[in-house]
Amino acid sequence: MYVNSSDINLSDNDNLVVWKYLDLSKFLDMLLSQKLFMSRSDKFEDQYEGTFSEPTFEEIKKIAANNPKFLDYYKSHREKVVVSSWHANEYESFAMWQIFTKNNEGLAIQSTIGRLKKAVAVEKHIEQYIGEVNYIDYKKEYIPFEDTFFPFLFKRKSFQYEREIRIISDVSNAKISINDGIKIDVTINQLIEKIYIHPKSENWYKNLVVEMVKKLGYEIAIEKSDLESDILI
């Protein structure tokens, strides 16, 4: 279930193109389960995930002086927030291929903001929020904490290349077990507009993906990335 929040910044353009770069095993798991994996926020490589900038932390410490549970809540809350990360870009990104795929294999899912909203609408047990990540100087800039999602919508400026759009859920009140993350129901044909195969992959790899998608009953456009196409001169 997608829920709109006026506190979360997101482009009004439902046609904004977003991408998810992933390996074949994770892609197949998505198709077979018809679910989208969302990672626990404290399991991300960036140790600053879900934390605060220095100016904000100084303010929180003042509040916590009279209410120690306030700070404890924010520390433990990271274990209950799950995230699915997407890259906003009109075109595919060479850098994203390099970072998120290996061995000249992998693929990219192309979608839009509008498709994400509709695709997660089938999930009836956990509310989904979609927000745009802000990139700031954690030593100087302030992160508001009126909304518990705000710490998860800010990252350090060194991550600006990610241009991240996030699907976020707080599972604090859900009676579910959470280890590395959870899977939520999605409509696959709504979620995925097109599939791009790794630009350096062999033809057999593309044929394999095409055949698997077809056998699983999905009708999704598939093409090989042209980032490695032959030069014209």
Protein backbone atom coordinates (compact mmCIF):
# COMPACT_ATOMS: atom_id res chain seq x y z
CA MET A 1 0.00 0.00 0.00
CA TYR A 2 1.55 3.26 -1.13
CA VAL A 3 0.82 6.22 1.16
CA ASN A 4 1.45 9.80 0.14
CA SER A 5 3.02 12.02 2.79
CA SER A 6 3.29 15.78 2.51
CA ASP A 7 6.40 15.59 4.72
CA ILE A 8 8.35 13.53 2.18
CA ASN A 9 9.81 15.27 -0.85
CA LEU A 10 9.07 13.55 -4.14
CA SER A 11 8.80 14.82 -7.68
CA ASP A 12 5.21 15.28 -8.86
CA ASN A 13 6.34 13.85 -12.19
CA ASP A 14 5.07 10.27 -12.25
CA ASN A 15 6.97 9.85 -15.53
CA LEU A 16 10.34 10.35 -13.82
CA VAL A 17 12.47 7.37 -14.91
CA VAL A 18 14.07 5.22 -12.20
CA TRP A 19 16.36 2.20 -12.35
CA LYS A 20 17.38 -0.74 -10.22
CA TYR A 21 20.64 -2.55 -11.09
CA LEU A 22 20.89 -6.10 -9.79
CA ASP A 23 22.29 -9.56 -10.46
CA LEU A 24 20.39 -12.38 -12.13
CA SER A 25 19.70 -14.36 -8.94
CA LYS A 26 18.00 -11.41 -7.22
CA PHE A 27 16.05 -10.65 -10.37
CA LEU A 28 14.79 -14.24 -10.66
CA ASP A 29 13.85 -14.27 -6.99
CA MET A 30 11.74 -11.17 -7.61
CA LEU A 31 9.95 -12.73 -10.57
CA LEU A 32 9.36 -16.10 -8.88
CA SER A 33 8.13 -14.67 -5.59
CA GLN A 34 6.39 -11.64 -7.13
CA LYS A 35 7.85 -9.69 -4.24
CA LEU A 36 10.29 -6.80 -3.87
CA PHE A 37 13.10 -7.18 -1.34
CA MET A 38 13.63 -4.26 1.03
CA SER A 39 16.87 -4.11 3.01
CA ARG A 40 17.05 -3.35 6.71
CA SER A 41 18.46 0.16 6.94
CA ASP A 42 21.20 -0.66 9.44
CA LYS A 43 22.55 -3.37 7.10
CA PHE A 44 23.62 -0.91 4.40
CA GLU A 45 27.33 -0.44 3.79
CA ASP A 46 27.10 3.26 4.66
CA GLN A 47 27.33 3.41 8.46
CA TYR A 48 25.60 6.82 8.43
CA GLU A 49 22.31 5.32 7.18
CA GLY A 50 19.45 6.48 9.37
CA THR A 51 21.70 8.63 11.56
CA PHE A 52 21.80 12.40 11.97
CA SER A 53 24.07 15.22 10.93
CA GLU A 54 26.17 16.87 13.63
CA PRO A 55 23.92 19.96 14.07
CA THR A 56 20.86 17.73 14.47
CA PHE A 57 22.62 15.36 16.85
CA GLU A 58 23.59 18.25 19.12
CA GLU A 59 19.93 19.24 19.37
CA ILE A 60 18.83 15.66 20.00
CA LYS A 61 21.38 15.30 22.82
CA LYS A 62 19.80 18.28 24.59
CA ILE A 63 16.38 16.63 24.39
CA ALA A 64 17.80 13.28 25.46
CA ALA A 65 19.37 14.84 28.56
CA ASN A 66 15.90 14.90 30.13
CA ASN A 67 14.53 11.92 28.20
CA PRO A 68 17.17 9.20 27.65
CA LYS A 69 14.65 6.94 25.88
CA PHE A 70 14.42 9.52 23.09
CA LEU A 71 17.96 8.77 21.89
CA ASP A 72 17.58 5.03 22.45
CA TYR A 73 14.52 5.05 20.22
CA TYR A 74 16.42 6.52 17.26
CA LYS A 75 19.28 4.08 17.73
CA SER A 76 17.01 1.03 17.67
CA HIS A 77 14.62 2.40 15.06
CA ARG A 78 17.10 1.70 12.26
CA GLU A 79 16.49 -2.03 12.77
CA LYS A 80 12.79 -1.56 11.99
CA VAL A 81 13.05 0.54 8.82
CA VAL A 82 13.46 -1.19 5.46
CA VAL A 83 14.41 0.38 2.15
CA SER A 84 14.33 -0.39 -1.57
CA SER A 85 16.73 1.88 -3.46
CA TRP A 86 16.24 3.15 -7.02
CA HIS A 87 18.38 5.40 -9.22
CA ALA A 88 16.69 8.41 -10.85
CA ASN A 89 18.02 9.04 -14.34
CA GLU A 90 16.55 9.54 -17.80
CA TYR A 91 19.29 7.30 -19.16
CA GLU A 92 21.07 4.20 -17.90
CA SER A 93 24.23 4.85 -15.92
CA PHE A 94 27.67 3.40 -16.67
CA ALA A 95 28.66 4.01 -13.04
CA MET A 96 25.67 2.06 -11.72
CA TRP A 97 26.55 -0.91 -13.93
CA GLN A 98 30.07 -0.85 -12.49
CA ILE A 99 28.94 -0.63 -8.87
CA PHE A 100 25.99 -2.99 -8.69
CA THR A 101 26.79 -5.76 -11.18
CA LYS A 102 29.75 -8.12 -11.53
CA ASN A 103 31.45 -10.37 -14.08
CA ASN A 104 29.84 -8.65 -17.08
CA GLU A 105 26.50 -10.06 -15.98
CA GLY A 106 23.47 -8.56 -14.32
CA LEU A 107 20.65 -6.41 -15.57
CA ALA A 108 18.81 -3.18 -14.98
CA ILE A 109 15.11 -2.74 -14.36
CA GLN A 110 13.69 0.44 -15.84
CA SER A 111 10.57 1.88 -14.24
CA THR A 112 8.97 5.22 -13.32
CA ILE A 113 7.78 6.87 -10.12
CA GLY A 114 4.19 6.31 -11.23
CA ARG A 115 4.84 2.61 -11.80
CA LEU A 116 6.46 2.22 -8.38
CA LYS A 117 3.43 3.75 -6.68
CA LYS A 118 1.02 1.43 -8.48
CA ALA A 119 3.22 -1.67 -8.16
CA VAL A 120 3.43 -1.53 -4.34
CA ALA A 121 -0.30 -0.76 -3.98
CA VAL A 122 -1.03 -4.51 -3.80
CA GLU A 123 0.85 -4.82 -0.49
CA LYS A 124 -1.92 -4.67 2.12
CA HIS A 125 -0.03 -5.26 5.36
CA ILE A 126 2.81 -2.74 5.31
CA GLU A 127 2.59 0.91 4.30
CA GLN A 128 5.07 2.14 1.72
CA TYR A 129 6.39 5.69 1.40
CA ILE A 130 8.38 6.87 -1.60
CA GLY A 131 10.83 9.72 -1.13
CA GLU A 132 13.75 11.47 -2.78
CA VAL A 133 17.10 11.37 -0.98
CA ASN A 134 18.71 14.73 -0.12
CA TYR A 135 22.52 14.99 -0.15
CA ILE A 136 23.99 17.30 2.46
CA ASP A 137 27.12 18.20 4.45
CA TYR A 138 26.71 16.21 7.68
CA LYS A 139 29.08 18.51 9.54
CA LYS A 140 27.16 21.69 8.75
CA GLU A 141 23.61 21.02 7.60
CA TYR A 142 20.55 20.19 9.66
CA ILE A 143 18.31 17.13 9.27
CA PRO A 144 14.78 17.63 10.64
CA PHE A 145 13.51 14.88 12.92
CA GLU A 146 9.82 15.76 13.24
CA ASP A 147 9.12 12.76 10.99
CA THR A 148 10.78 9.44 11.80
CA PHE A 149 11.48 8.84 8.09
CA PHE A 150 13.62 11.97 7.67
CA PRO A 151 16.94 10.40 8.78
CA PHE A 152 16.50 7.84 5.99
CA LEU A 153 16.03 10.50 3.32
CA PHE A 154 19.37 12.21 3.83
CA LYS A 155 22.86 11.07 2.85
CA ARG A 156 26.31 12.60 2.65
CA LYS A 157 27.22 14.63 -0.44
CA SER A 158 29.77 12.02 -1.48
CA PHE A 159 26.83 9.80 -2.48
CA GLN A 160 25.23 12.34 -4.82
CA TYR A 161 26.02 10.18 -7.85
CA GLU A 162 23.36 7.71 -6.63
CA ARG A 163 20.48 10.15 -7.29
CA GLU A 164 18.44 7.88 -5.08
CA ILE A 165 14.70 7.42 -4.85
CA ARG A 166 13.64 5.25 -1.93
CA ILE A 167 10.67 3.08 -1.10
CA ILE A 168 10.61 3.08 2.72
CA SER A 169 8.63 1.14 5.31
CA ASP A 170 8.57 1.19 9.09
CA VAL A 171 7.75 -2.31 10.35
CA SER A 172 7.89 -1.45 14.06
CA ASN A 173 4.23 -2.31 14.55
CA ALA A 174 4.12 -5.26 12.19
CA LYS A 175 4.23 -8.74 13.67
CA ILE A 176 6.87 -10.05 11.31
CA SER A 177 10.41 -11.35 11.73
CA ILE A 178 13.11 -9.27 10.10
CA ASN A 179 16.69 -10.34 9.56
CA ASP A 180 18.43 -8.72 6.58
CA GLY A 181 15.15 -7.34 5.28
CA ILE A 182 11.64 -8.23 4.17
CA LYS A 183 9.80 -8.92 0.94
CA ILE A 184 6.65 -7.02 0.01
CA ASP A 185 4.01 -7.90 -2.57
CA VAL A 186 4.31 -6.08 -5.90
CA THR A 187 2.73 -6.30 -9.33
CA ILE A 188 5.72 -7.28 -11.47
CA ASN A 189 4.28 -6.18 -14.82
CA GLN A 190 3.52 -2.81 -13.26
CA LEU A 191 6.88 -2.48 -11.54
CA ILE A 192 9.01 -3.27 -14.59
CA GLU A 193 8.65 -1.28 -17.79
CA LYS A 194 11.73 -2.63 -19.51
CA ILE A 195 14.75 -4.81 -18.78
CA TYR A 196 18.27 -3.92 -19.95
CA ILE A 197 20.96 -6.60 -20.12
CA HIS A 198 24.54 -5.83 -19.03
CA PRO A 199 26.40 -3.97 -21.83
CA LYS A 200 29.36 -6.38 -21.73
CA SER A 201 27.35 -9.59 -21.55
CA GLU A 202 27.43 -12.31 -24.19
CA ASN A 203 24.46 -13.00 -26.46
CA TRP A 204 23.74 -16.31 -24.70
CA TYR A 205 23.18 -14.37 -21.49
CA LYS A 206 20.54 -12.14 -23.05
CA ASN A 207 18.87 -15.17 -24.62
CA LEU A 208 18.83 -16.88 -21.22
CA VAL A 209 17.10 -13.91 -19.58
CA VAL A 210 14.58 -13.62 -22.42
CA GLU A 211 13.74 -17.33 -22.20
CA MET A 212 13.38 -17.32 -18.41
CA VAL A 213 11.13 -14.25 -18.37
CA LYS A 214 8.96 -15.81 -21.08
CA LYS A 215 8.68 -19.17 -19.31
CA LEU A 216 7.61 -17.43 -16.12
CA GLY A 217 4.72 -15.88 -18.03
CA TYR A 218 5.81 -12.25 -18.10
CA GLU A 219 5.57 -10.01 -21.13
CA ILE A 220 8.30 -7.46 -20.53
CA ALA A 221 10.42 -5.71 -23.15
CA ILE A 222 14.06 -6.84 -22.94
CA GLU A 223 17.04 -5.39 -24.75
CA LYS A 224 20.78 -5.31 -24.35
CA SER A 225 22.35 -2.08 -23.15
CA ASP A 226 23.95 -0.16 -26.01
CA LEU A 227 26.65 1.45 -23.83
CA GLU A 228 29.18 -0.92 -25.41
CA SER A 229 27.89 -0.73 -28.99
CA ASP A 230 30.35 -0.52 -31.88
CA ILE A 231 31.80 2.90 -32.65
CA LEU A 232 30.78 4.48 -35.95
CA ILE A 233 34.24 5.31 -37.28
